[in-house]
Amino acid sequence: MGRDHPQGRHGAGGRTVVPSPPSTTESDLLSGTKMNFEVGVVSARSCTSSGVSVLASSACASDSPAARSFVVSASVPHGRIGALRSTPGWHSHDFAEVLDGVPSMHDPKAATVLAKLQAIKPARAWQPESDTRRDLRAWVDQRHPIARTLAIYHGHLEAMLARHWPEFEAHVDVYRQRSWFALFTKYPGPQAVAAADEAAAITLRKASRGHFGPARLQAILDAAKTSTGVPMTAGEQDRLRAIAEQIELQTRRLDAVDATLAHLVAEDVVLSRLATVVGPACAAAIGSLVGSPLDFPNARALEKAFGLNLKEKSSGNTRGQMSITKRGPGPVRHLLFMAALRLMKDDAVALSWCRARRGYKADQKIKAVVALMRKLARALWHVARGEAFDATKLFDIRRLDLSSDMTHRNNKAAPTSPSARAAGPYQGGAATA
């Protein structure tokens, strides 16, 4: 979904923590930038590898456990540190060229940039993350690569089925159903299924736990025998078997992580409210990567934290195109995108509003989905405060044609794409046999 924290070519980037003296004047701050950093010196750019830079009156160190202990422990006089201040990394990135006209960043300049920013607009007080939030972040970070790996293998599976067995997906939903794992592990491809015949049907019936009836099983066997796909070689059959095994493995891993996230989210009152709208995985990502919506003064501030606020580049008679800033955690936007697709599928009001937008009619449906994401982000601010989610409060329903959209909701709910079709199991949607 784009870059989250722009670092530029030489930018400091990352979230910046600035411990300032009690008397926060520009002269006092700048006087501390001309000294030699003799205690725990780490360059401002290397600090950003961990996402946080620490500029103290006598030290610059990354936000490692050792550095944190160094800053907050009694080994550093508290009178010289004052309050820890958190400055967004893109502020120092943007201010670097404003300071001296050169888009460069080095230790002395980084210290001056942070000090001037702190003097111009004091940042909010920085607090170490709680153990609960760190645990939640660890599970969210663990989930992200698993979901990406699963999406990659599903893409490989779709490509192979389109080439060798295009009729298969008319009978089995490979994203929401799992009985085909056992079928392709034992009989990879239409030729193997057709050769096994009744044995393949028994395997599929057992794997589906009886959900596949005789008529459906016979239809799958007939599709295997009359498939118009390219016959598979032995190597291609081995590859299909390996893909099925990997999808089964990653699906089980994702289920385990999602179960843990659901448990952690259920223990938090605010996140459990968000989960009723966007699901446990998205709620966990918001809580760990952005923070509690209760910490934001208004809905627009939460939308900005997600990187969904709009930006424009215009000059004179030239009007630039509006787009979202993407200055926020990408995984949160990804999961909100999936939540918006599900809302379009399940809610007639949301679908009707999206279909009425100019971008949707111009076959630029992605813009309509992003607009719905922004609506959804603002709604979460209210849901976190105990209000029930009601889609009718997000739109002016007097201008919507709900009657016609109710008819088309099941067939034209959202743009068709592999990622959209994969939204169910990735977000914790129930997969069937």
Protein backbone atom coordinates (compact mmCIF):
# COMPACT_ATOMS: atom_id res chain seq x y z
CA MET A 1 0.00 0.00 0.00
CA GLY A 2 2.95 2.30 -0.33
CA ARG A 3 5.66 3.61 1.90
CA ASP A 4 4.78 4.27 5.51
CA HIS A 5 7.62 6.43 6.83
CA PRO A 6 9.49 8.27 4.09
CA GLN A 7 13.19 8.41 4.77
CA GLY A 8 14.29 10.17 1.60
CA ARG A 9 17.73 9.59 0.20
CA HIS A 10 19.55 10.64 3.33
CA GLY A 11 16.62 11.32 5.66
CA ALA A 12 16.52 10.49 9.31
CA GLY A 13 13.09 8.89 8.96
CA GLY A 14 11.35 6.80 11.56
CA ARG A 15 9.72 7.96 14.77
CA THR A 16 12.01 10.30 16.66
CA VAL A 17 12.15 10.58 20.42
CA VAL A 18 13.55 13.84 21.73
CA PRO A 19 14.30 14.21 25.45
CA SER A 20 14.13 17.95 26.09
CA PRO A 21 15.26 19.94 29.12
CA PRO A 22 12.57 21.34 31.41
CA SER A 23 13.01 24.84 29.93
CA THR A 24 12.16 24.17 26.30
CA THR A 25 13.43 27.28 24.55
CA GLU A 26 15.06 27.28 21.13
CA SER A 27 18.31 28.68 22.45
CA ASP A 28 18.52 26.07 25.19
CA LEU A 29 17.78 23.27 22.76
CA LEU A 30 20.21 24.44 20.09
CA SER A 31 22.99 24.84 22.62
CA GLY A 32 22.86 21.12 23.22
CA THR A 33 23.34 20.31 19.54
CA LYS A 34 26.87 21.74 19.28
CA MET A 35 28.43 19.37 21.76
CA ASN A 36 30.34 16.22 21.00
CA PHE A 37 28.22 13.15 21.64
CA GLU A 38 30.62 11.22 23.85
CA VAL A 39 28.26 8.91 25.68
CA GLY A 40 26.51 6.17 23.72
CA VAL A 41 27.03 7.85 20.35
CA VAL A 42 25.03 6.35 17.50
CA SER A 43 24.39 8.21 14.25
CA ALA A 44 20.88 9.58 13.78
CA ARG A 45 20.51 7.64 10.54
CA SER A 46 21.51 4.32 12.06
CA CYS A 47 19.08 4.95 14.89
CA THR A 48 16.22 4.74 12.44
CA SER A 49 16.90 1.10 11.68
CA SER A 50 14.93 0.33 14.84
CA GLY A 51 12.35 3.01 14.12
CA VAL A 52 13.30 5.41 16.93
CA SER A 53 16.09 7.95 17.43
CA VAL A 54 16.98 9.25 20.86
CA LEU A 55 18.64 12.63 21.22
CA ALA A 56 19.62 13.42 24.79
CA SER A 57 21.73 16.25 26.08
CA SER A 58 24.69 13.89 26.17
CA ALA A 59 23.78 10.86 24.06
CA CYS A 60 22.18 9.64 20.86
CA ALA A 61 21.19 5.99 20.82
CA SER A 62 18.71 3.67 19.16
CA ASP A 63 15.60 2.47 20.93
CA SER A 64 17.05 -0.87 21.88
CA PRO A 65 16.43 -2.28 25.37
CA ALA A 66 19.91 -1.18 26.39
CA ALA A 67 19.39 2.36 25.06
CA ARG A 68 16.02 2.64 26.73
CA SER A 69 17.53 1.53 30.00
CA PHE A 70 20.30 4.07 29.51
CA VAL A 71 17.89 6.95 28.95
CA VAL A 72 15.24 6.22 31.57
CA SER A 73 17.45 4.76 34.29
CA ALA A 74 19.03 6.72 37.08
CA SER A 75 22.38 6.59 35.30
CA VAL A 76 21.32 9.71 33.35
CA PRO A 77 20.32 12.69 35.50
CA HIS A 78 16.61 13.25 35.05
CA GLY A 79 17.06 16.99 35.33
CA ARG A 80 19.08 16.98 32.12
CA ILE A 81 16.65 14.82 30.20
CA GLY A 82 13.27 16.29 31.04
CA ALA A 83 10.32 14.70 29.23
CA LEU A 84 10.75 12.30 26.34
CA ARG A 85 9.10 13.72 23.23
CA SER A 86 7.97 11.75 20.19
CA THR A 87 8.28 13.46 16.80
CA PRO A 88 7.06 11.69 13.61
CA GLY A 89 9.91 10.77 11.32
CA TRP A 90 8.41 12.42 8.27
CA HIS A 91 8.57 15.77 10.08
CA SER A 92 12.36 15.58 10.27
CA HIS A 93 12.45 14.25 6.71
CA ASP A 94 10.47 17.21 5.35
CA PHE A 95 12.28 19.79 7.49
CA ALA A 96 15.78 18.64 6.47
CA GLU A 97 15.78 20.59 3.20
CA VAL A 98 13.91 23.54 4.69
CA LEU A 99 16.69 24.02 7.23
CA ASP A 100 19.60 24.65 4.83
CA GLY A 101 18.26 23.98 1.33
CA VAL A 102 20.06 20.63 1.05
CA PRO A 103 18.16 17.30 1.31
CA SER A 104 20.93 15.70 3.37
CA MET A 105 21.07 14.33 6.89
CA HIS A 106 24.02 13.78 9.21
CA ASP A 107 24.58 13.81 12.96
CA PRO A 108 24.95 17.56 13.61
CA LYS A 109 22.14 18.45 11.19
CA ALA A 110 19.87 15.74 12.58
CA ALA A 111 20.35 17.12 16.09
CA THR A 112 19.60 20.67 14.88
CA VAL A 113 16.50 19.52 12.96
CA LEU A 114 15.09 17.71 15.98
CA ALA A 115 15.81 20.62 18.28
CA LYS A 116 14.22 23.20 15.97
CA LEU A 117 11.14 21.05 15.44
CA GLN A 118 10.78 20.62 19.17
CA ALA A 119 11.05 24.39 19.67
CA ILE A 120 8.57 25.20 16.87
CA LYS A 121 5.95 22.66 17.90
CA PRO A 122 6.57 20.61 21.05
CA ALA A 123 5.78 16.99 20.38
CA ARG A 124 3.65 14.81 22.58
CA ALA A 125 5.20 13.07 25.54
CA TRP A 126 6.61 9.67 24.67
CA GLN A 127 5.72 6.65 26.78
CA PRO A 128 7.18 3.15 26.48
CA GLU A 129 4.74 0.66 24.97
CA SER A 130 3.04 -1.68 27.42
CA ASP A 131 3.88 -5.36 27.44
CA THR A 132 0.37 -6.15 26.22
CA ARG A 133 0.75 -3.93 23.17
CA ARG A 134 4.20 -5.34 22.43
CA ASP A 135 2.81 -8.88 22.57
CA LEU A 136 -0.02 -7.86 20.26
CA ARG A 137 2.47 -6.28 17.86
CA ALA A 138 4.55 -9.48 17.88
CA TRP A 139 1.57 -11.59 16.83
CA VAL A 140 0.51 -9.07 14.17
CA ASP A 141 4.05 -9.07 12.76
CA GLN A 142 3.98 -12.86 12.77
CA ARG A 143 0.68 -12.95 10.91
CA HIS A 144 1.66 -10.62 8.08
CA PRO A 145 4.31 -12.82 6.37
CA ILE A 146 2.12 -15.91 6.77
CA ALA A 147 -0.79 -14.18 5.03
CA ARG A 148 1.50 -12.94 2.25
CA THR A 149 2.98 -16.40 1.73
CA LEU A 150 -0.51 -17.89 1.60
CA ALA A 151 -1.57 -15.32 -0.99
CA ILE A 152 1.48 -16.15 -3.13
CA TYR A 153 0.72 -19.86 -3.13
CA HIS A 154 -2.95 -19.21 -3.89
CA GLY A 155 -1.80 -17.20 -6.89
CA HIS A 156 0.32 -20.14 -8.07
CA LEU A 157 -2.65 -22.47 -7.54
CA GLU A 158 -4.99 -20.28 -9.59
CA ALA A 159 -2.47 -20.11 -12.41
CA MET A 160 -2.07 -23.91 -12.52
CA LEU A 161 -5.80 -24.57 -12.35
CA ALA A 162 -6.48 -22.06 -15.12
CA ARG A 163 -3.97 -23.89 -17.32
CA HIS A 164 -4.61 -27.52 -16.44
CA TRP A 165 -8.09 -27.78 -14.86
CA PRO A 166 -10.14 -24.59 -15.48
CA GLU A 167 -13.43 -26.33 -14.57
CA PHE A 168 -12.39 -27.15 -11.00
CA GLU A 169 -13.16 -23.78 -9.41
CA ALA A 170 -16.73 -23.95 -10.71
CA HIS A 171 -17.30 -26.74 -8.17
CA VAL A 172 -14.91 -25.88 -5.31
CA ASP A 173 -14.05 -22.53 -3.73
CA VAL A 174 -10.32 -22.95 -3.14
CA TYR A 175 -10.24 -19.93 -0.79
CA ARG A 176 -13.02 -20.84 1.60
CA GLN A 177 -13.11 -24.63 1.33
CA ARG A 178 -10.34 -26.95 2.46
CA SER A 179 -11.37 -30.44 1.42
CA TRP A 180 -9.38 -30.10 -1.79
CA PHE A 181 -6.15 -30.15 0.26
CA ALA A 182 -6.40 -33.92 0.65
CA LEU A 183 -7.54 -34.41 -2.95
CA PHE A 184 -4.60 -32.60 -4.55
CA THR A 185 -2.09 -34.02 -2.08
CA LYS A 186 -3.06 -37.56 -3.11
CA TYR A 187 -4.32 -36.99 -6.66
CA PRO A 188 -2.71 -33.82 -8.10
CA GLY A 189 -4.46 -32.82 -11.31
CA PRO A 190 -7.43 -33.88 -13.41
CA GLN A 191 -5.66 -36.87 -14.98
CA ALA A 192 -4.85 -38.34 -11.56
CA VAL A 193 -8.39 -37.75 -10.31
CA ALA A 194 -9.92 -39.29 -13.44
CA ALA A 195 -7.65 -42.34 -13.18
CA ALA A 196 -8.48 -42.89 -9.51
CA ASP A 197 -12.22 -42.31 -10.12
CA GLU A 198 -14.09 -43.75 -7.12
CA ALA A 199 -11.04 -43.63 -4.85
CA ALA A 200 -10.68 -39.90 -5.48
CA ALA A 201 -14.38 -39.38 -4.73
CA ILE A 202 -14.03 -41.25 -1.43
CA THR A 203 -11.01 -39.12 -0.48
CA LEU A 204 -12.87 -35.91 -1.23
CA ARG A 205 -16.01 -37.05 0.60
CA LYS A 206 -14.03 -37.94 3.73
CA ALA A 207 -12.08 -34.68 3.61
CA SER A 208 -15.34 -32.70 3.30
CA ARG A 209 -16.85 -34.66 6.21
CA GLY A 210 -19.89 -35.49 4.14
CA HIS A 211 -20.56 -31.94 2.92
CA PHE A 212 -19.95 -32.97 -0.68
CA GLY A 213 -22.93 -34.99 -1.85
CA PRO A 214 -22.92 -37.70 -4.55
CA ALA A 215 -24.09 -35.28 -7.25
CA ARG A 216 -21.31 -32.80 -6.54
CA LEU A 217 -18.67 -35.51 -6.35
CA GLN A 218 -19.81 -36.94 -9.67
CA ALA A 219 -19.70 -33.46 -11.24
CA ILE A 220 -16.07 -33.07 -10.11
CA LEU A 221 -15.15 -36.48 -11.52
CA ASP A 222 -16.86 -35.67 -14.82
CA ALA A 223 -15.02 -32.34 -14.97
CA ALA A 224 -11.73 -34.18 -14.46
CA LYS A 225 -12.47 -36.64 -17.24
CA THR A 226 -13.62 -34.02 -19.75
CA SER A 227 -11.30 -31.18 -18.79
CA THR A 228 -10.13 -28.93 -21.61
CA GLY A 229 -6.95 -28.01 -19.77
CA VAL A 230 -3.41 -28.84 -20.84
CA PRO A 231 -2.42 -32.36 -19.71
CA MET A 232 -0.03 -32.25 -16.77
CA THR A 233 3.46 -33.71 -16.77
CA ALA A 234 4.90 -35.55 -13.79
CA GLY A 235 6.81 -32.46 -12.73
CA GLU A 236 3.71 -30.30 -12.92
CA GLN A 237 1.81 -32.80 -10.79
CA ASP A 238 4.55 -32.69 -8.18
CA ARG A 239 4.38 -28.90 -8.19
CA LEU A 240 0.60 -28.90 -7.71
CA ARG A 241 0.97 -31.34 -4.81
CA ALA A 242 3.63 -29.12 -3.21
CA ILE A 243 1.41 -26.05 -3.61
CA ALA A 244 -1.51 -27.81 -1.93
CA GLU A 245 0.72 -28.92 0.95
CA GLN A 246 2.08 -25.41 1.44
CA ILE A 247 -1.40 -23.85 1.38
CA GLU A 248 -2.58 -26.36 3.96
CA LEU A 249 0.46 -25.68 6.17
CA GLN A 250 0.20 -21.89 5.96
CA THR A 251 -3.57 -22.01 6.51
CA ARG A 252 -3.11 -23.94 9.74
CA ARG A 253 -0.42 -21.53 10.89
CA LEU A 254 -2.66 -18.58 10.08
CA ASP A 255 -5.55 -20.17 11.98
CA ALA A 256 -3.36 -20.55 15.06
CA VAL A 257 -2.17 -16.94 14.91
CA ASP A 258 -5.71 -15.64 14.31
CA ALA A 259 -6.99 -17.64 17.29
CA THR A 260 -4.34 -16.04 19.50
CA LEU A 261 -5.13 -12.57 18.16
CA ALA A 262 -8.85 -13.11 18.73
CA HIS A 263 -8.12 -14.08 22.34
CA LEU A 264 -5.93 -11.00 22.92
CA VAL A 265 -8.46 -8.69 21.27
CA ALA A 266 -11.32 -10.12 23.35
CA GLU A 267 -9.45 -9.14 26.53
CA ASP A 268 -9.40 -5.47 25.47
CA VAL A 269 -12.70 -3.59 25.63
CA VAL A 270 -11.86 -1.07 22.90
CA LEU A 271 -10.34 -3.55 20.46
CA SER A 272 -13.22 -5.97 20.95
CA ARG A 273 -15.58 -3.18 19.85
CA LEU A 274 -13.50 -2.61 16.72
CA ALA A 275 -13.44 -6.34 16.00
CA THR A 276 -17.22 -6.41 15.62
CA VAL A 277 -16.81 -4.13 12.58
CA VAL A 278 -13.46 -4.99 10.98
CA GLY A 279 -12.56 -8.37 12.53
CA PRO A 280 -10.00 -9.38 15.18
CA ALA A 281 -6.95 -9.25 12.88
CA CYS A 282 -7.61 -5.68 11.75
CA ALA A 283 -8.47 -4.58 15.29
CA ALA A 284 -5.22 -6.08 16.55
CA ALA A 285 -3.25 -4.31 13.82
CA ILE A 286 -4.85 -1.00 14.75
CA GLY A 287 -4.18 -1.47 18.46
CA SER A 288 -0.55 -2.50 18.00
CA LEU A 289 0.56 -0.31 15.09
CA VAL A 290 -1.53 2.84 15.58
CA GLY A 291 -2.72 2.74 19.17
CA SER A 292 -6.07 3.03 20.85
CA PRO A 293 -8.61 5.21 19.00
CA LEU A 294 -9.38 6.73 22.40
CA ASP A 295 -6.00 8.49 22.25
CA PHE A 296 -7.07 10.56 19.21
CA PRO A 297 -9.04 13.77 19.73
CA ASN A 298 -11.34 13.29 16.75
CA ALA A 299 -12.17 10.93 13.91
CA ARG A 300 -10.14 12.94 11.40
CA ALA A 301 -7.00 12.48 13.52
CA LEU A 302 -7.49 8.70 13.51
CA GLU A 303 -7.98 8.75 9.74
CA LYS A 304 -4.72 10.67 9.40
CA ALA A 305 -2.90 8.15 11.59
CA PHE A 306 -4.00 5.42 9.19
CA GLY A 307 -2.50 7.39 6.28
CA LEU A 308 -5.92 7.82 4.67
CA ASN A 309 -6.10 11.61 4.72
CA LEU A 310 -5.98 13.29 1.32
CA LYS A 311 -3.14 15.26 -0.24
CA GLU A 312 -3.10 17.51 -3.29
CA LYS A 313 -0.43 19.10 -5.47
CA SER A 314 -1.84 22.10 -7.32
CA SER A 315 -0.38 25.31 -8.69
CA GLY A 316 -2.11 28.19 -10.44
CA ASN A 317 -4.62 26.85 -12.91
CA THR A 318 -3.26 23.33 -12.61
CA ARG A 319 -5.25 21.23 -10.21
CA GLY A 320 -3.51 18.10 -9.04
CA GLN A 321 -5.19 14.80 -8.45
CA MET A 322 -6.21 13.97 -4.88
CA SER A 323 -4.72 10.89 -3.31
CA ILE A 324 -4.21 9.47 0.16
CA THR A 325 -0.94 10.29 1.93
CA LYS A 326 -0.15 6.68 2.97
CA ARG A 327 1.72 8.12 5.97
CA GLY A 328 0.72 5.37 8.32
CA PRO A 329 1.15 1.62 8.79
CA GLY A 330 0.55 -0.27 5.55
CA PRO A 331 -0.76 -3.48 7.19
CA VAL A 332 -3.58 -1.49 8.79
CA ARG A 333 -4.63 -0.04 5.44
CA HIS A 334 -4.43 -3.49 3.84
CA LEU A 335 -6.75 -5.03 6.43
CA LEU A 336 -9.09 -2.02 6.29
CA PHE A 337 -9.24 -2.49 2.51
CA MET A 338 -10.36 -6.08 3.03
CA ALA A 339 -12.88 -4.94 5.62
CA ALA A 340 -14.27 -2.39 3.16
CA LEU A 341 -14.69 -5.11 0.52
CA ARG A 342 -16.62 -7.26 2.97
CA LEU A 343 -18.77 -4.29 3.94
CA MET A 344 -19.63 -3.75 0.28
CA LYS A 345 -20.61 -7.39 0.02
CA ASP A 346 -22.70 -7.58 3.19
CA ASP A 347 -24.23 -4.10 3.49
CA ALA A 348 -26.60 -2.79 0.82
CA VAL A 349 -26.16 0.83 1.95
CA ALA A 350 -22.38 0.72 1.59
CA LEU A 351 -22.64 -1.00 -1.78
CA SER A 352 -25.17 1.51 -3.07
CA TRP A 353 -23.01 4.44 -1.98
CA CYS A 354 -19.93 3.01 -3.70
CA ARG A 355 -21.84 2.25 -6.90
CA ALA A 356 -23.13 5.82 -7.00
CA ARG A 357 -19.63 7.32 -6.90
CA ARG A 358 -18.12 8.75 -10.06
CA GLY A 359 -15.01 6.57 -9.82
CA TYR A 360 -17.07 3.38 -9.62
CA LYS A 361 -19.05 4.33 -12.72
CA ALA A 362 -15.83 5.22 -14.56
CA ASP A 363 -14.57 1.69 -13.95
CA GLN A 364 -12.13 2.93 -11.29
CA LYS A 365 -13.67 0.91 -8.51
CA ILE A 366 -10.55 1.00 -6.38
CA LYS A 367 -11.19 4.69 -5.69
CA ALA A 368 -14.66 3.89 -4.41
CA VAL A 369 -13.24 1.24 -2.09
CA VAL A 370 -10.63 3.67 -0.74
CA ALA A 371 -13.35 6.25 -0.14
CA LEU A 372 -15.28 3.64 1.82
CA MET A 373 -12.11 2.87 3.80
CA ARG A 374 -11.94 6.52 4.87
CA LYS A 375 -15.56 6.41 5.98
CA LEU A 376 -14.90 3.21 7.87
CA ALA A 377 -11.82 4.65 9.59
CA ARG A 378 -13.83 7.57 10.92
CA ALA A 379 -16.61 5.26 12.06
CA LEU A 380 -14.13 3.24 14.12
CA TRP A 381 -13.38 6.33 16.23
CA HIS A 382 -17.02 6.38 17.33
CA VAL A 383 -17.30 2.60 17.68
CA ALA A 384 -14.31 2.62 20.05
CA ARG A 385 -16.28 4.95 22.30
CA GLY A 386 -19.19 2.54 22.60
CA GLU A 387 -21.44 3.59 19.73
CA ALA A 388 -23.00 0.82 17.67
CA PHE A 389 -21.89 0.65 14.05
CA ASP A 390 -24.63 1.80 11.69
CA ALA A 391 -23.81 2.18 8.00
CA THR A 392 -26.77 4.50 7.49
CA LYS A 393 -24.97 7.14 9.60
CA LEU A 394 -22.03 7.18 7.20
CA PHE A 395 -23.98 8.11 4.07
CA ASP A 396 -26.89 10.24 2.96
CA ILE A 397 -29.28 7.40 2.20
CA ARG A 398 -31.82 9.82 0.70
CA ARG A 399 -29.66 9.99 -2.44
CA LEU A 400 -29.10 6.25 -2.73
CA ASP A 401 -31.05 3.76 -4.80
CA LEU A 402 -31.19 0.90 -2.34
CA SER A 403 -33.87 -1.12 -4.12
CA SER A 404 -31.81 -1.89 -7.24
CA ASP A 405 -28.63 -2.53 -5.31
CA MET A 406 -30.30 -5.14 -3.12
CA THR A 407 -30.85 -7.17 -6.28
CA HIS A 408 -27.23 -6.95 -7.42
CA ARG A 409 -25.57 -7.21 -4.01
CA ASN A 410 -24.69 -10.89 -4.22
CA ASN A 411 -23.39 -10.77 -7.80
CA LYS A 412 -21.63 -7.38 -7.95
CA ALA A 413 -20.60 -6.73 -4.39
CA ALA A 414 -16.97 -5.79 -4.97
CA PRO A 415 -14.21 -5.71 -7.57
CA THR A 416 -13.07 -9.20 -8.47
CA SER A 417 -9.42 -9.84 -7.65
CA PRO A 418 -7.38 -12.61 -6.04
CA SER A 419 -6.76 -10.46 -2.98
CA ALA A 420 -10.44 -9.61 -2.64
CA ARG A 421 -11.44 -13.26 -2.96
CA ALA A 422 -8.84 -14.16 -0.38
CA ALA A 423 -10.17 -11.68 2.15
CA GLY A 424 -12.31 -14.27 3.93
CA PRO A 425 -9.75 -16.75 5.27
CA TYR A 426 -7.04 -14.11 5.66
CA GLN A 427 -9.18 -11.97 7.89
CA GLY A 428 -10.50 -14.83 9.94
CA GLY A 429 -13.58 -15.62 7.90
CA ALA A 430 -14.87 -19.13 8.46
CA ALA A 431 -13.53 -21.60 5.95
CA THR A 432 -15.74 -24.58 5.22
CA ALA A 433 -15.03 -28.10 4.26
